[in-house]
Protein backbone atom coordinates (compact mmCIF):
# COMPACT_ATOMS: atom_id res chain seq x y z
CA MET A 1 3.46 -172.56 -216.53
CA LYS A 2 -0.05 -173.43 -215.35
CA ILE A 3 -0.39 -173.53 -211.57
CA ILE A 4 -3.20 -174.45 -209.20
CA LEU A 5 -3.11 -172.77 -205.81
CA ASP A 6 -3.98 -174.97 -202.85
CA THR A 7 -6.76 -173.41 -200.79
CA HIS A 8 -4.56 -172.09 -197.97
CA ILE A 9 -2.15 -170.51 -200.48
CA PHE A 10 -5.08 -168.80 -202.20
CA LEU A 11 -6.31 -167.40 -198.87
CA TRP A 12 -2.80 -166.31 -197.89
CA ALA A 13 -2.31 -164.64 -201.28
CA LEU A 14 -5.40 -162.54 -200.57
CA SER A 15 -4.77 -161.69 -196.93
CA GLU A 16 -1.30 -162.74 -195.71
CA PRO A 17 1.15 -163.02 -198.62
CA LYS A 18 4.11 -162.88 -196.22
CA LYS A 19 3.21 -166.45 -195.17
CA ILE A 20 3.96 -167.68 -198.71
CA ASP A 21 7.47 -168.92 -199.47
CA SER A 22 9.39 -166.41 -201.60
CA ILE A 23 9.89 -168.89 -204.46
CA GLN A 24 6.19 -169.74 -204.46
CA LEU A 25 5.23 -166.07 -204.34
CA GLN A 26 7.55 -165.32 -207.24
CA GLU A 27 5.80 -167.99 -209.34
CA ILE A 28 2.39 -166.55 -208.43
CA GLU A 29 3.51 -163.06 -209.44
CA THR A 30 5.24 -164.12 -212.68
CA GLN A 31 3.12 -162.74 -215.51
CA ALA A 32 3.99 -165.64 -217.83
CA ASN A 33 2.32 -168.11 -215.45
CA LYS A 34 -1.41 -168.81 -215.42
CA ILE A 35 -2.66 -169.12 -211.86
CA PHE A 36 -5.78 -171.17 -211.25
CA ILE A 37 -8.16 -171.46 -208.33
CA SER A 38 -9.93 -174.80 -208.36
CA SER A 39 -13.68 -174.98 -207.94
CA ILE A 40 -12.78 -177.43 -205.16
CA SER A 41 -11.08 -174.61 -203.22
CA ILE A 42 -14.17 -172.44 -203.54
CA ALA A 43 -16.31 -175.33 -202.26
CA GLU A 44 -13.89 -175.93 -199.37
CA ILE A 45 -13.94 -172.26 -198.37
CA MET A 46 -17.75 -172.09 -198.48
CA ILE A 47 -18.20 -175.34 -196.52
CA LYS A 48 -15.66 -174.38 -193.86
CA THR A 49 -17.24 -170.92 -193.58
CA SER A 50 -20.70 -172.41 -193.11
CA LEU A 51 -19.29 -174.74 -190.41
CA LYS A 52 -17.63 -171.71 -188.73
CA LYS A 53 -14.16 -173.28 -189.16
CA ILE A 54 -12.96 -170.18 -190.98
CA ASP A 55 -14.28 -166.65 -191.20
CA ILE A 56 -14.13 -164.80 -194.48
CA ASN A 57 -15.72 -161.42 -195.06
CA PHE A 58 -15.21 -161.25 -198.83
CA ASP A 59 -16.45 -162.91 -201.98
CA PRO A 60 -13.70 -165.38 -202.98
CA LEU A 61 -14.81 -165.36 -206.64
CA GLU A 62 -14.60 -161.59 -206.86
CA MET A 63 -11.24 -161.50 -205.06
CA ALA A 64 -9.79 -164.22 -207.29
CA GLU A 65 -10.82 -162.30 -210.39
CA LYS A 66 -9.41 -159.02 -209.02
CA SER A 67 -6.14 -160.85 -208.31
CA GLY A 68 -5.93 -162.04 -211.91
CA PHE A 69 -6.50 -165.70 -211.04
CA GLU A 70 -8.51 -167.96 -213.31
CA PHE A 71 -11.01 -170.63 -212.29
CA LEU A 72 -10.56 -174.32 -212.97
CA ASN A 73 -13.65 -176.50 -212.75
CA PHE A 74 -13.32 -180.00 -211.34
CA GLY A 75 -14.47 -182.42 -214.02
CA ALA A 76 -15.12 -186.08 -214.65
CA LYS A 77 -11.59 -186.76 -215.98
CA ASP A 78 -10.22 -185.32 -212.73
CA ALA A 79 -12.57 -187.44 -210.62
CA ILE A 80 -11.63 -190.71 -212.37
CA LEU A 81 -8.12 -190.47 -210.91
CA LEU A 82 -9.47 -190.56 -207.35
CA LYS A 83 -10.11 -194.31 -207.60
CA ASP A 84 -6.40 -195.17 -207.84
CA LEU A 85 -4.93 -192.21 -205.97
CA PRO A 86 -3.01 -193.55 -202.94
CA PHE A 87 -4.33 -192.55 -199.51
CA TYR A 88 -1.28 -190.66 -198.33
CA HIS A 89 -3.70 -187.81 -197.70
CA LYS A 90 -7.17 -188.28 -196.23
CA ASP A 91 -8.46 -184.74 -196.85
CA PRO A 92 -10.98 -185.07 -199.73
CA PHE A 93 -10.48 -181.46 -200.89
CA ASP A 94 -6.72 -181.91 -201.17
CA ARG A 95 -7.12 -185.28 -202.88
CA MET A 96 -9.36 -183.69 -205.52
CA ILE A 97 -6.91 -180.81 -206.11
CA ILE A 98 -4.07 -183.33 -206.46
CA ALA A 99 -6.11 -185.40 -208.93
CA GLN A 100 -6.96 -182.24 -210.87
CA SER A 101 -3.30 -181.30 -211.04
CA ILE A 102 -2.27 -184.73 -212.31
CA ALA A 103 -5.11 -184.96 -214.85
CA ASN A 104 -4.35 -181.54 -216.31
CA LYS A 105 -0.55 -181.71 -215.89
CA TYR A 106 -0.57 -178.46 -213.91
CA HIS A 107 1.77 -177.57 -211.07
CA ILE A 108 0.47 -177.02 -207.53
CA ILE A 109 1.59 -174.50 -204.96
CA SER A 110 1.02 -175.86 -201.46
CA ASN A 111 2.78 -175.98 -198.12
CA ASP A 112 1.21 -179.35 -197.34
CA HIS A 113 4.14 -181.78 -197.28
CA LYS A 114 1.86 -184.74 -197.99
CA PHE A 115 1.50 -183.45 -201.55
CA GLN A 116 5.14 -184.49 -202.13
CA LEU A 117 4.10 -188.14 -201.84
CA TYR A 118 1.99 -187.90 -205.00
CA ASP A 119 2.97 -187.83 -208.64
CA CYS A 120 2.09 -184.17 -209.01
CA LYS A 121 4.34 -181.23 -209.87
CA LEU A 122 4.73 -179.35 -206.60
CA ILE A 123 6.19 -175.87 -206.21
C-alpha cells in the first residue's frame, strides 16, 4: 500500500510515536507499505518554523530519509483537483495533501477528522 503521512503524523513519527494510533503505526512500520512525505509537508514545516509556530532542531529531509520514508512532489495533476475540492477543510496544506492523495490513489494517515469528509482513503 502507498501511504502519505499528514504533517503532524510525520512529526510524531520522528519525535513522539506514542501519539500515533496503534493501527496507524502498524501501517507505517509494515515493510510492504511505501510511506511518503509530501513536499507540501516539508513546505508547511519550514513555513511554520520560520513563523515560530513550531520549533524543529533537525533537518526534516534527512530525518525522513533515515526513517525510510520517500518523498512525493506536489504536481500539476494534484493541483487541478483543488478547484473542485469541497471546502470542508480550510487549511491549504491539508487540502493539497488530500488532493495529492486522491490524484495518486494513495492512502493518508492523519488524525484530522475533517479528512473523513473527503473522497480519500484514510487510515
